[in-house]
Amino acid sequence: MQQYRLYLRGRDSSIVGRMDFNDEDDASAIAGAQAVCDACSDVAGSFELWQADRHITTQPPPRGCSSGFERHVGRNRDLVLAVEQVARDRRWTLFRSGSLQARLERLRLDAGKPG
């Protein structure tokens, strides 16, 4: 596992949220970052993904891949914890993302279903 840092930027390029998480490789971390950015696209206009001082990518939120959030975040417990923490942290604008809150609630409900 490798550690990554995700910066979510607002439409004015200000940082609206930041989270650290572990993932298997760059491709998987990018997919998770895209899913998170898409999930909170009501407040996030783009994201940057870093590993220590190595810049991996800067991208706008992907459009039309909303099912990716549950798939990518649901399989990565570190990313779930990071997203939940930043969503609760009132100092970040991301706290006000209604779409992110709704998706986190769906994850909680799905986790409570008998499998």
PDB file of N, CA and C in Angstrom:
ATOM      1  N   MET A   1       0.834  -1.184   0.000  1.00  0.00           N
ATOM      2  CA  MET A   1       0.000   0.000   0.000  1.00  0.00           C
ATOM      3  C   MET A   1       0.880   1.249   0.000  1.00  0.00           C
ATOM      4  N   GLN A   2       0.412   2.240  -0.715  1.00  0.00           N
ATOM      5  CA  GLN A   2       1.138   3.504  -0.811  1.00  0.00           C
ATOM      6  C   GLN A   2       0.248   4.629  -0.291  1.00  0.00           C
ATOM      7  N   GLN A   3       0.854   5.667   0.267  1.00  0.00           N
ATOM      8  CA  GLN A   3       0.074   6.775   0.801  1.00  0.00           C
ATOM      9  C   GLN A   3      -0.058   7.881  -0.238  1.00  0.00           C
ATOM     10  N   TYR A   4      -1.279   8.427  -0.337  1.00  0.00           N
ATOM     11  CA  TYR A   4      -1.593   9.491  -1.284  1.00  0.00           C
ATOM     12  C   TYR A   4      -2.253  10.646  -0.546  1.00  0.00           C
ATOM     13  N   ARG A   5      -2.154  11.824  -1.136  1.00  0.00           N
ATOM     14  CA  ARG A   5      -2.864  12.994  -0.625  1.00  0.00           C
ATOM     15  C   ARG A   5      -3.690  13.563  -1.774  1.00  0.00           C
ATOM     16  N   LEU A   6      -4.968  13.759  -1.485  1.00  0.00           N
ATOM     17  CA  LEU A   6      -5.919  14.291  -2.457  1.00  0.00           C
ATOM     18  C   LEU A   6      -6.315  15.694  -2.026  1.00  0.00           C
ATOM     19  N   TYR A   7      -6.156  16.658  -2.929  1.00  0.00           N
ATOM     20  CA  TYR A   7      -6.635  18.025  -2.718  1.00  0.00           C
ATOM     21  C   TYR A   7      -7.832  18.227  -3.631  1.00  0.00           C
ATOM     22  N   LEU A   8      -8.937  18.634  -3.063  1.00  0.00           N
ATOM     23  CA  LEU A   8     -10.125  18.965  -3.849  1.00  0.00           C
ATOM     24  C   LEU A   8     -10.201  20.482  -3.948  1.00  0.00           C
ATOM     25  N   ARG A   9     -10.366  20.976  -5.152  1.00  0.00           N
ATOM     26  CA  ARG A   9     -10.367  22.419  -5.394  1.00  0.00           C
ATOM     27  C   ARG A   9     -11.749  22.873  -5.839  1.00  0.00           C
ATOM     28  N   GLY A  10     -12.124  24.048  -5.363  1.00  0.00           N
ATOM     29  CA  GLY A  10     -13.394  24.651  -5.767  1.00  0.00           C
ATOM     30  C   GLY A  10     -13.282  25.230  -7.163  1.00  0.00           C
ATOM     31  N   ARG A  11     -14.369  25.740  -7.661  1.00  0.00           N
ATOM     32  CA  ARG A  11     -14.376  26.315  -9.010  1.00  0.00           C
ATOM     33  C   ARG A  11     -13.456  27.538  -9.111  1.00  0.00           C
ATOM     34  N   ASP A  12     -13.160  28.177  -7.976  1.00  0.00           N
ATOM     35  CA  ASP A  12     -12.242  29.318  -7.954  1.00  0.00           C
ATOM     36  C   ASP A  12     -10.804  28.888  -7.683  1.00  0.00           C
ATOM     37  N   SER A  13     -10.535  27.593  -7.706  1.00  0.00           N
ATOM     38  CA  SER A  13      -9.226  26.975  -7.479  1.00  0.00           C
ATOM     39  C   SER A  13      -8.781  26.948  -6.020  1.00  0.00           C
ATOM     40  N   SER A  14      -9.617  27.432  -5.094  1.00  0.00           N
ATOM     41  CA  SER A  14      -9.262  27.329  -3.678  1.00  0.00           C
ATOM     42  C   SER A  14      -9.397  25.872  -3.234  1.00  0.00           C
ATOM     43  N   ILE A  15      -8.648  25.497  -2.224  1.00  0.00           N
ATOM     44  CA  ILE A  15      -8.730  24.135  -1.702  1.00  0.00           C
ATOM     45  C   ILE A  15      -9.971  24.043  -0.817  1.00  0.00           C
ATOM     46  N   VAL A  16     -10.884  23.137  -1.173  1.00  0.00           N
ATOM     47  CA  VAL A  16     -12.127  22.962  -0.414  1.00  0.00           C
ATOM     48  C   VAL A  16     -12.082  21.708   0.452  1.00  0.00           C
ATOM     49  N   GLY A  17     -11.057  20.890   0.289  1.00  0.00           N
ATOM     50  CA  GLY A  17     -10.889  19.690   1.097  1.00  0.00           C
ATOM     51  C   GLY A  17      -9.565  19.022   0.789  1.00  0.00           C
ATOM     52  N   ARG A  18      -9.061  18.321   1.799  1.00  0.00           N
ATOM     53  CA  ARG A  18      -7.816  17.577   1.628  1.00  0.00           C
ATOM     54  C   ARG A  18      -7.935  16.286   2.411  1.00  0.00           C
ATOM     55  N   MET A  19      -7.469  15.207   1.822  1.00  0.00           N
ATOM     56  CA  MET A  19      -7.512  13.935   2.534  1.00  0.00           C
ATOM     57  C   MET A  19      -6.316  13.074   2.169  1.00  0.00           C
ATOM     58  N   ASP A  20      -5.866  12.304   3.151  1.00  0.00           N
ATOM     59  CA  ASP A  20      -4.796  11.335   2.966  1.00  0.00           C
ATOM     60  C   ASP A  20      -5.415   9.949   2.993  1.00  0.00           C
ATOM     61  N   PHE A  21      -4.947   9.086   2.113  1.00  0.00           N
ATOM     62  CA  PHE A  21      -5.445   7.712   2.089  1.00  0.00           C
ATOM     63  C   PHE A  21      -4.391   6.800   1.494  1.00  0.00           C
ATOM     64  N   ASN A  22      -4.548   5.529   1.738  1.00  0.00           N
ATOM     65  CA  ASN A  22      -3.660   4.512   1.167  1.00  0.00           C
ATOM     66  C   ASN A  22      -4.372   3.812   0.026  1.00  0.00           C
ATOM     67  N   ASP A  23      -3.591   3.456  -0.972  1.00  0.00           N
ATOM     68  CA  ASP A  23      -4.138   2.677  -2.081  1.00  0.00           C
ATOM     69  C   ASP A  23      -3.023   1.822  -2.659  1.00  0.00           C
ATOM     70  N   GLU A  24      -3.406   0.879  -3.510  1.00  0.00           N
ATOM     71  CA  GLU A  24      -2.443  -0.093  -4.026  1.00  0.00           C
ATOM     72  C   GLU A  24      -1.448   0.492  -5.020  1.00  0.00           C
ATOM     73  N   ASP A  25      -1.929   1.367  -5.908  1.00  0.00           N
ATOM     74  CA  ASP A  25      -1.053   1.933  -6.929  1.00  0.00           C
ATOM     75  C   ASP A  25      -1.660   3.231  -7.452  1.00  0.00           C
ATOM     76  N   ASP A  26      -0.925   3.898  -8.334  1.00  0.00           N
ATOM     77  CA  ASP A  26      -1.385   5.180  -8.861  1.00  0.00           C
ATOM     78  C   ASP A  26      -2.724   5.064  -9.577  1.00  0.00           C
ATOM     79  N   ALA A  27      -2.888   4.056 -10.394  1.00  0.00           N
ATOM     80  CA  ALA A  27      -4.130   3.915 -11.166  1.00  0.00           C
ATOM     81  C   ALA A  27      -5.334   3.775 -10.243  1.00  0.00           C
ATOM     82  N   SER A  28      -5.202   2.980  -9.221  1.00  0.00           N
ATOM     83  CA  SER A  28      -6.300   2.797  -8.276  1.00  0.00           C
ATOM     84  C   SER A  28      -6.553   4.075  -7.474  1.00  0.00           C
ATOM     85  N   ALA A  29      -5.492   4.765  -7.093  1.00  0.00           N
ATOM     86  CA  ALA A  29      -5.639   6.031  -6.357  1.00  0.00           C
ATOM     87  C   ALA A  29      -6.308   7.092  -7.224  1.00  0.00           C
ATOM     88  N   ILE A  30      -5.964   7.154  -8.501  1.00  0.00           N
ATOM     89  CA  ILE A  30      -6.589   8.107  -9.424  1.00  0.00           C
ATOM     90  C   ILE A  30      -8.076   7.793  -9.564  1.00  0.00           C
ATOM     91  N   ALA A  31      -8.414   6.519  -9.717  1.00  0.00           N
ATOM     92  CA  ALA A  31      -9.821   6.131  -9.840  1.00  0.00           C
ATOM     93  C   ALA A  31     -10.600   6.521  -8.585  1.00  0.00           C
ATOM     94  N   GLY A  32     -10.011   6.301  -7.417  1.00  0.00           N
ATOM     95  CA  GLY A  32     -10.669   6.700  -6.171  1.00  0.00           C
ATOM     96  C   GLY A  32     -10.822   8.203  -6.075  1.00  0.00           C
ATOM     97  N   ALA A  33      -9.779   8.945  -6.458  1.00  0.00           N
ATOM     98  CA  ALA A  33      -9.836  10.410  -6.427  1.00  0.00           C
ATOM     99  C   ALA A  33     -10.903  10.936  -7.379  1.00  0.00           C
ATOM    100  N   GLN A  34     -10.996  10.339  -8.564  1.00  0.00           N
ATOM    101  CA  GLN A  34     -12.034  10.737  -9.515  1.00  0.00           C
ATOM    102  C   GLN A  34     -13.428  10.493  -8.931  1.00  0.00           C
ATOM    103  N   ALA A  35     -13.589   9.364  -8.286  1.00  0.00           N
ATOM    104  CA  ALA A  35     -14.887   9.025  -7.708  1.00  0.00           C
ATOM    105  C   ALA A  35     -15.263  10.001  -6.595  1.00  0.00           C
ATOM    106  N   VAL A  36     -14.305  10.342  -5.742  1.00  0.00           N
ATOM    107  CA  VAL A  36     -14.576  11.294  -4.657  1.00  0.00           C
ATOM    108  C   VAL A  36     -14.903  12.668  -5.239  1.00  0.00           C
ATOM    109  N   CYS A  37     -14.117  13.119  -6.205  1.00  0.00           N
ATOM    110  CA  CYS A  37     -14.349  14.426  -6.808  1.00  0.00           C
ATOM    111  C   CYS A  37     -15.717  14.478  -7.479  1.00  0.00           C
ATOM    112  N   ASP A  38     -16.078  13.415  -8.160  1.00  0.00           N
ATOM    113  CA  ASP A  38     -17.391  13.352  -8.804  1.00  0.00           C
ATOM    114  C   ASP A  38     -18.502  13.395  -7.757  1.00  0.00           C
ATOM    115  N   ALA A  39     -18.290  12.719  -6.637  1.00  0.00           N
ATOM    116  CA  ALA A  39     -19.313  12.653  -5.592  1.00  0.00           C
ATOM    117  C   ALA A  39     -19.572  14.012  -4.954  1.00  0.00           C
ATOM    118  N   CYS A  40     -18.585  14.883  -4.972  1.00  0.00           N
ATOM    119  CA  CYS A  40     -18.780  16.199  -4.353  1.00  0.00           C
ATOM    120  C   CYS A  40     -18.634  17.315  -5.387  1.00  0.00           C
ATOM    121  N   SER A  41     -19.018  17.027  -6.619  1.00  0.00           N
ATOM    122  CA  SER A  41     -18.858  18.002  -7.692  1.00  0.00           C
ATOM    123  C   SER A  41     -19.748  19.228  -7.525  1.00  0.00           C
ATOM    124  N   ASP A  42     -20.664  19.193  -6.542  1.00  0.00           N
ATOM    125  CA  ASP A  42     -21.440  20.399  -6.281  1.00  0.00           C
ATOM    126  C   ASP A  42     -20.582  21.483  -5.619  1.00  0.00           C
ATOM    127  N   VAL A  43     -19.448  21.114  -5.024  1.00  0.00           N
ATOM    128  CA  VAL A  43     -18.543  22.109  -4.443  1.00  0.00           C
ATOM    129  C   VAL A  43     -17.111  21.997  -4.973  1.00  0.00           C
ATOM    130  N   ALA A  44     -16.748  20.872  -5.569  1.00  0.00           N
ATOM    131  CA  ALA A  44     -15.380  20.669  -6.080  1.00  0.00           C
ATOM    132  C   ALA A  44     -15.359  20.814  -7.596  1.00  0.00           C
ATOM    133  N   GLY A  45     -14.423  21.617  -8.088  1.00  0.00           N
ATOM    134  CA  GLY A  45     -14.299  21.814  -9.527  1.00  0.00           C
ATOM    135  C   GLY A  45     -13.158  21.036 -10.154  1.00  0.00           C
ATOM    136  N   SER A  46     -12.233  20.537  -9.321  1.00  0.00           N
ATOM    137  CA  SER A  46     -11.116  19.740  -9.815  1.00  0.00           C
ATOM    138  C   SER A  46     -10.419  19.107  -8.619  1.00  0.00           C
ATOM    139  N   PHE A  47      -9.438  18.261  -8.917  1.00  0.00           N
ATOM    140  CA  PHE A  47      -8.640  17.676  -7.844  1.00  0.00           C
ATOM    141  C   PHE A  47      -7.191  17.552  -8.267  1.00  0.00           C
ATOM    142  N   GLU A  48      -6.332  17.481  -7.259  1.00  0.00           N
ATOM    143  CA  GLU A  48      -4.913  17.180  -7.461  1.00  0.00           C
ATOM    144  C   GLU A  48      -4.606  15.956  -6.622  1.00  0.00           C
ATOM    145  N   LEU A  49      -3.826  15.054  -7.162  1.00  0.00           N
ATOM    146  CA  LEU A  49      -3.409  13.865  -6.434  1.00  0.00           C
ATOM    147  C   LEU A  49      -1.888  13.863  -6.343  1.00  0.00           C
ATOM    148  N   TRP A  50      -1.384  13.651  -5.114  1.00  0.00           N
ATOM    149  CA  TRP A  50       0.043  13.662  -4.832  1.00  0.00           C
ATOM    150  C   TRP A  50       0.430  12.415  -4.057  1.00  0.00           C
ATOM    151  N   GLN A  51       1.682  12.040  -4.216  1.00  0.00           N
ATOM    152  CA  GLN A  51       2.298  11.034  -3.366  1.00  0.00           C
ATOM    153  C   GLN A  51       3.596  11.661  -2.881  1.00  0.00           C
ATOM    154  N   ALA A  52       3.606  12.067  -1.601  1.00  0.00           N
ATOM    155  CA  ALA A  52       4.709  12.851  -1.030  1.00  0.00           C
ATOM    156  C   ALA A  52       4.890  14.094  -1.891  1.00  0.00           C
ATOM    157  N   ASP A  53       6.079  14.312  -2.465  1.00  0.00           N
ATOM    158  CA  ASP A  53       6.288  15.502  -3.291  1.00  0.00           C
ATOM    159  C   ASP A  53       6.139  15.211  -4.788  1.00  0.00           C
ATOM    160  N   ARG A  54       5.621  14.052  -5.116  1.00  0.00           N
ATOM    161  CA  ARG A  54       5.403  13.664  -6.526  1.00  0.00           C
ATOM    162  C   ARG A  54       3.966  13.968  -6.935  1.00  0.00           C
ATOM    163  N   HIS A  55       3.824  14.912  -7.865  1.00  0.00           N
ATOM    164  CA  HIS A  55       2.504  15.245  -8.397  1.00  0.00           C
ATOM    165  C   HIS A  55       2.085  14.157  -9.381  1.00  0.00           C
ATOM    166  N   ILE A  56       0.935  13.569  -9.159  1.00  0.00           N
ATOM    167  CA  ILE A  56       0.483  12.480 -10.010  1.00  0.00           C
ATOM    168  C   ILE A  56      -0.429  13.000 -11.115  1.00  0.00           C
ATOM    169  N   THR A  57      -1.462  13.789 -10.739  1.00  0.00           N
ATOM    170  CA  THR A  57      -2.373  14.304 -11.745  1.00  0.00           C
ATOM    171  C   THR A  57      -3.202  15.448 -11.182  1.00  0.00           C
ATOM    172  N   THR A  58      -3.683  16.286 -12.080  1.00  0.00           N
ATOM    173  CA  THR A  58      -4.693  17.303 -11.788  1.00  0.00           C
ATOM    174  C   THR A  58      -5.789  17.097 -12.821  1.00  0.00           C
ATOM    175  N   GLN A  59      -7.029  16.974 -12.350  1.00  0.00           N
ATOM    176  CA  GLN A  59      -8.129  16.684 -13.264  1.00  0.00           C
ATOM    177  C   GLN A  59      -9.402  17.380 -12.811  1.00  0.00           C
ATOM    178  N   PRO A  60     -10.280  17.686 -13.767  1.00  0.00           N
ATOM    179  CA  PRO A  60     -11.623  18.131 -13.393  1.00  0.00           C
ATOM    180  C   PRO A  60     -12.413  16.914 -12.924  1.00  0.00           C
ATOM    181  N   PRO A  61     -13.548  17.135 -12.253  1.00  0.00           N
ATOM    182  CA  PRO A  61     -14.333  15.958 -11.849  1.00  0.00           C
ATOM    183  C   PRO A  61     -14.883  15.261 -13.088  1.00  0.00           C
ATOM    184  N   PRO A  62     -14.819  13.948 -13.113  1.00  0.00           N
ATOM    185  CA  PRO A  62     -15.396  13.232 -14.248  1.00  0.00           C
ATOM    186  C   PRO A  62     -16.908  13.379 -14.205  1.00  0.00           C
ATOM    187  N   ARG A  63     -17.534  13.400 -15.324  1.00  0.00           N
ATOM    188  CA  ARG A  63     -18.996  13.524 -15.388  1.00  0.00           C
ATOM    189  C   ARG A  63     -19.607  12.187 -15.783  1.00  0.00           C
ATOM    190  N   GLY A  64     -20.698  11.865 -15.149  1.00  0.00           N
ATOM    191  CA  GLY A  64     -21.439  10.678 -15.526  1.00  0.00           C
ATOM    192  C   GLY A  64     -20.884   9.373 -14.999  1.00  0.00           C
ATOM    193  N   CYS A  65     -20.061   9.419 -13.965  1.00  0.00           N
ATOM    194  CA  CYS A  65     -19.539   8.161 -13.424  1.00  0.00           C
ATOM    195  C   CYS A  65     -19.886   8.043 -11.948  1.00  0.00           C
ATOM    196  N   SER A  66     -21.068   8.505 -11.579  1.00  0.00           N
ATOM    197  CA  SER A  66     -21.449   8.581 -10.173  1.00  0.00           C
ATOM    198  C   SER A  66     -21.449   7.227  -9.482  1.00  0.00           C
ATOM    199  N   SER A  67     -21.655   6.160 -10.214  1.00  0.00           N
ATOM    200  CA  SER A  67     -21.615   4.841  -9.576  1.00  0.00           C
ATOM    201  C   SER A  67     -20.202   4.482  -9.150  1.00  0.00           C
ATOM    202  N   GLY A  68     -19.213   5.174  -9.684  1.00  0.00           N
ATOM    203  CA  GLY A  68     -17.830   4.909  -9.320  1.00  0.00           C
ATOM    204  C   GLY A  68     -17.533   5.177  -7.866  1.00  0.00           C
ATOM    205  N   PHE A  69     -18.224   6.120  -7.251  1.00  0.00           N
ATOM    206  CA  PHE A  69     -17.967   6.447  -5.852  1.00  0.00           C
ATOM    207  C   PHE A  69     -18.190   5.232  -4.969  1.00  0.00           C
ATOM    208  N   GLU A  70     -19.348   4.627  -5.064  1.00  0.00           N
ATOM    209  CA  GLU A  70     -19.656   3.478  -4.225  1.00  0.00           C
ATOM    210  C   GLU A  70     -18.699   2.318  -4.501  1.00  0.00           C
ATOM    211  N   ARG A  71     -18.355   2.109  -5.755  1.00  0.00           N
ATOM    212  CA  ARG A  71     -17.463   1.009  -6.116  1.00  0.00           C
ATOM    213  C   ARG A  71     -16.053   1.240  -5.573  1.00  0.00           C
ATOM    214  N   HIS A  72     -15.482   2.410  -5.861  1.00  0.00           N
ATOM    215  CA  HIS A  72     -14.099   2.666  -5.458  1.00  0.00           C
ATOM    216  C   HIS A  72     -13.959   2.930  -3.971  1.00  0.00           C
ATOM    217  N   VAL A  73     -14.829   3.763  -3.441  1.00  0.00           N
ATOM    218  CA  VAL A  73     -14.723   4.086  -2.026  1.00  0.00           C
ATOM    219  C   VAL A  73     -15.150   2.892  -1.182  1.00  0.00           C
ATOM    220  N   GLY A  74     -16.135   2.158  -1.636  1.00  0.00           N
ATOM    221  CA  GLY A  74     -16.613   1.012  -0.880  1.00  0.00           C
ATOM    222  C   GLY A  74     -15.571  -0.079  -0.702  1.00  0.00           C
ATOM    223  N   ARG A  75     -14.626  -0.190  -1.613  1.00  0.00           N
ATOM    224  CA  ARG A  75     -13.613  -1.242  -1.507  1.00  0.00           C
ATOM    225  C   ARG A  75     -12.360  -0.774  -0.786  1.00  0.00           C
ATOM    226  N   ASN A  76     -12.251   0.511  -0.502  1.00  0.00           N
ATOM    227  CA  ASN A  76     -11.041   1.045   0.099  1.00  0.00           C
ATOM    228  C   ASN A  76     -11.389   1.705   1.433  1.00  0.00           C
ATOM    229  N   ARG A  77     -11.216   0.969   2.511  1.00  0.00           N
ATOM    230  CA  ARG A  77     -11.597   1.465   3.848  1.00  0.00           C
ATOM    231  C   ARG A  77     -10.833   2.736   4.218  1.00  0.00           C
ATOM    232  N   ASP A  78      -9.558   2.843   3.827  1.00  0.00           N
ATOM    233  CA  ASP A  78      -8.788   4.058   4.110  1.00  0.00           C
ATOM    234  C   ASP A  78      -9.427   5.278   3.453  1.00  0.00           C
ATOM    235  N   LEU A  79      -9.889   5.119   2.225  1.00  0.00           N
ATOM    236  CA  LEU A  79     -10.504   6.229   1.514  1.00  0.00           C
ATOM    237  C   LEU A  79     -11.850   6.585   2.143  1.00  0.00           C
ATOM    238  N   VAL A  80     -12.615   5.583   2.558  1.00  0.00           N
ATOM    239  CA  VAL A  80     -13.886   5.840   3.242  1.00  0.00           C
ATOM    240  C   VAL A  80     -13.639   6.681   4.490  1.00  0.00           C
ATOM    241  N   LEU A  81     -12.679   6.277   5.308  1.00  0.00           N
ATOM    242  CA  LEU A  81     -12.378   7.012   6.535  1.00  0.00           C
ATOM    243  C   LEU A  81     -11.921   8.430   6.238  1.00  0.00           C
ATOM    244  N   ALA A  82     -11.094   8.606   5.225  1.00  0.00           N
ATOM    245  CA  ALA A  82     -10.610   9.937   4.861  1.00  0.00           C
ATOM    246  C   ALA A  82     -11.753  10.820   4.384  1.00  0.00           C
ATOM    247  N   VAL A  83     -12.626  10.266   3.551  1.00  0.00           N
ATOM    248  CA  VAL A  83     -13.770  11.030   3.043  1.00  0.00           C
ATOM    249  C   VAL A  83     -14.699  11.412   4.182  1.00  0.00           C
ATOM    250  N   GLU A  84     -14.995  10.471   5.070  1.00  0.00           N
ATOM    251  CA  GLU A  84     -15.877  10.772   6.191  1.00  0.00           C
ATOM    252  C   GLU A  84     -15.275  11.843   7.094  1.00  0.00           C
ATOM    253  N   GLN A  85     -13.974  11.767   7.340  1.00  0.00           N
ATOM    254  CA  GLN A  85     -13.321  12.769   8.192  1.00  0.00           C
ATOM    255  C   GLN A  85     -13.423  14.157   7.581  1.00  0.00           C
ATOM    256  N   VAL A  86     -13.085  14.283   6.299  1.00  0.00           N
ATOM    257  CA  VAL A  86     -13.115  15.606   5.683  1.00  0.00           C
ATOM    258  C   VAL A  86     -14.553  16.106   5.544  1.00  0.00           C
ATOM    259  N   ALA A  87     -15.498  15.196   5.368  1.00  0.00           N
ATOM    260  CA  ALA A  87     -16.899  15.604   5.264  1.00  0.00           C
ATOM    261  C   ALA A  87     -17.427  16.124   6.598  1.00  0.00           C
ATOM    262  N   ARG A  88     -16.821  15.700   7.713  1.00  0.00           N
ATOM    263  CA  ARG A  88     -17.229  16.175   9.043  1.00  0.00           C
ATOM    264  C   ARG A  88     -16.466  17.419   9.484  1.00  0.00           C
ATOM    265  N   ASP A  89     -15.357  17.712   8.823  1.00  0.00           N
ATOM    266  CA  ASP A  89     -14.482  18.800   9.244  1.00  0.00           C
ATOM    267  C   ASP A  89     -15.028  20.128   8.726  1.00  0.00           C
ATOM    268  N   ARG A  90     -15.617  20.903   9.599  1.00  0.00           N
ATOM    269  CA  ARG A  90     -16.304  22.136   9.207  1.00  0.00           C
ATOM    270  C   ARG A  90     -15.376  23.202   8.638  1.00  0.00           C
ATOM    271  N   ARG A  91     -14.064  23.050   8.780  1.00  0.00           N
ATOM    272  CA  ARG A  91     -13.187  24.078   8.227  1.00  0.00           C
ATOM    273  C   ARG A  91     -13.078  23.964   6.702  1.00  0.00           C
ATOM    274  N   TRP A  92     -13.423  22.806   6.165  1.00  0.00           N
ATOM    275  CA  TRP A  92     -13.379  22.621   4.712  1.00  0.00           C
ATOM    276  C   TRP A  92     -14.742  22.922   4.099  1.00  0.00           C
ATOM    277  N   THR A  93     -14.743  23.565   2.961  1.00  0.00           N
ATOM    278  CA  THR A  93     -15.974  23.836   2.222  1.00  0.00           C
ATOM    279  C   THR A  93     -16.660  22.527   1.853  1.00  0.00           C
ATOM    280  N   LEU A  94     -15.887  21.484   1.686  1.00  0.00           N
ATOM    281  CA  LEU A  94     -16.428  20.180   1.316  1.00  0.00           C
ATOM    282  C   LEU A  94     -17.478  19.693   2.311  1.00  0.00           C
ATOM    283  N   PHE A  95     -17.415  20.175   3.537  1.00  0.00           N
ATOM    284  CA  PHE A  95     -18.398  19.848   4.566  1.00  0.00           C
ATOM    285  C   PHE A  95     -19.815  20.158   4.079  1.00  0.00           C
ATOM    286  N   ARG A  96     -19.945  21.159   3.205  1.00  0.00           N
ATOM    287  CA  ARG A  96     -21.262  21.583   2.725  1.00  0.00           C
ATOM    288  C   ARG A  96     -21.725  20.855   1.471  1.00  0.00           C
ATOM    289  N   SER A  97     -21.007  19.843   1.052  1.00  0.00           N
ATOM    290  CA  SER A  97     -21.396  19.115  -0.153  1.00  0.00           C
ATOM    291  C   SER A  97     -22.578  18.199   0.132  1.00  0.00           C
ATOM    292  N   GLY A  98     -23.743  18.592  -0.338  1.00  0.00           N
ATOM    293  CA  GLY A  98     -24.940  17.776  -0.154  1.00  0.00           C
ATOM    294  C   GLY A  98     -24.849  16.446  -0.884  1.00  0.00           C
ATOM    295  N   SER A  99     -24.261  16.455  -2.068  1.00  0.00           N
ATOM    296  CA  SER A  99     -24.177  15.204  -2.823  1.00  0.00           C
ATOM    297  C   SER A  99     -23.225  14.221  -2.139  1.00  0.00           C
ATOM    298  N   LEU A 100     -22.140  14.721  -1.553  1.00  0.00           N
ATOM    299  CA  LEU A 100     -21.220  13.833  -0.838  1.00  0.00           C
ATOM    300  C   LEU A 100     -21.903  13.249   0.399  1.00  0.00           C
ATOM    301  N   GLN A 101     -22.609  14.081   1.146  1.00  0.00           N
ATOM    302  CA  GLN A 101     -23.316  13.593   2.337  1.00  0.00           C
ATOM    303  C   GLN A 101     -24.319  12.502   1.960  1.00  0.00           C
ATOM    304  N   ALA A 102     -25.036  12.698   0.862  1.00  0.00           N
ATOM    305  CA  ALA A 102     -26.030  11.702   0.416  1.00  0.00           C
ATOM    306  C   ALA A 102     -25.348  10.390   0.034  1.00  0.00           C
ATOM    307  N   ARG A 103     -24.226  10.467  -0.629  1.00  0.00           N
ATOM    308  CA  ARG A 103     -23.532   9.235  -1.029  1.00  0.00           C
ATOM    309  C   ARG A 103     -22.936   8.509   0.168  1.00  0.00           C
ATOM    310  N   LEU A 104     -22.427   9.255   1.138  1.00  0.00           N
ATOM    311  CA  LEU A 104     -21.928   8.616   2.354  1.00  0.00           C
ATOM    312  C   LEU A 104     -23.066   7.923   3.096  1.00  0.00           C
ATOM    313  N   GLU A 105     -24.226   8.540   3.117  1.00  0.00           N
ATOM    314  CA  GLU A 105     -25.385   7.917   3.769  1.00  0.00           C
ATOM    315  C   GLU A 105     -25.774   6.628   3.047  1.00  0.00           C
ATOM    316  N   ARG A 106     -25.733   6.633   1.712  1.00  0.00           N
ATOM    317  CA  ARG A 106     -26.034   5.397   0.961  1.00  0.00           C
ATOM    318  C   ARG A 106     -25.030   4.307   1.296  1.00  0.00           C
ATOM    319  N   LEU A 107     -23.750   4.662   1.424  1.00  0.00           N
ATOM    320  CA  LEU A 107     -22.734   3.674   1.800  1.00  0.00           C
ATOM    321  C   LEU A 107     -23.039   3.085   3.192  1.00  0.00           C
ATOM    322  N   ARG A 108     -23.427   3.953   4.115  1.00  0.00           N
ATOM    323  CA  ARG A 108     -23.758   3.484   5.468  1.00  0.00           C
ATOM    324  C   ARG A 108     -24.948   2.528   5.428  1.00  0.00           C
ATOM    325  N   LEU A 109     -25.960   2.885   4.645  1.00  0.00           N
ATOM    326  CA  LEU A 109     -27.143   2.017   4.532  1.00  0.00           C
ATOM    327  C   LEU A 109     -26.781   0.685   3.897  1.00  0.00           C
ATOM    328  N   ASP A 110     -25.977   0.735   2.824  1.00  0.00           N
ATOM    329  CA  ASP A 110     -25.573  -0.497   2.149  1.00  0.00           C
ATOM    330  C   ASP A 110     -24.730  -1.374   3.062  1.00  0.00           C
ATOM    331  N   ALA A 111     -23.894  -0.751   3.906  1.00  0.00           N
ATOM    332  CA  ALA A 111     -23.059  -1.519   4.842  1.00  0.00           C
ATOM    333  C   ALA A 111     -23.919  -2.219   5.880  1.00  0.00           C
ATOM    334  N   GLY A 112     -25.090  -1.671   6.190  1.00  0.00           N
ATOM    335  CA  GLY A 112     -25.974  -2.260   7.178  1.00  0.00           C
ATOM    336  C   GLY A 112     -26.870  -3.365   6.653  1.00  0.00           C
ATOM    337  N   LYS A 113     -26.891  -3.542   5.329  1.00  0.00           N
ATOM    338  CA  LYS A 113     -27.716  -4.597   4.722  1.00  0.00           C
ATOM    339  C   LYS A 113     -27.078  -5.958   4.962  1.00  0.00           C
ATOM    340  N   PRO A 114     -27.898  -6.961   5.255  1.00  0.00           N
ATOM    341  CA  PRO A 114     -27.316  -8.315   5.386  1.00  0.00           C
ATOM    342  C   PRO A 114     -26.799  -8.785   4.035  1.00  0.00           C
ATOM    343  N   GLY A 115     -25.634  -9.390   4.045  1.00  0.00           N
ATOM    344  CA  GLY A 115     -24.996  -9.799   2.796  1.00  0.00           C
ATOM    345  C   GLY A 115     -25.172 -11.205   2.548  1.00  0.00           C
TER     346      GLY A 115
END
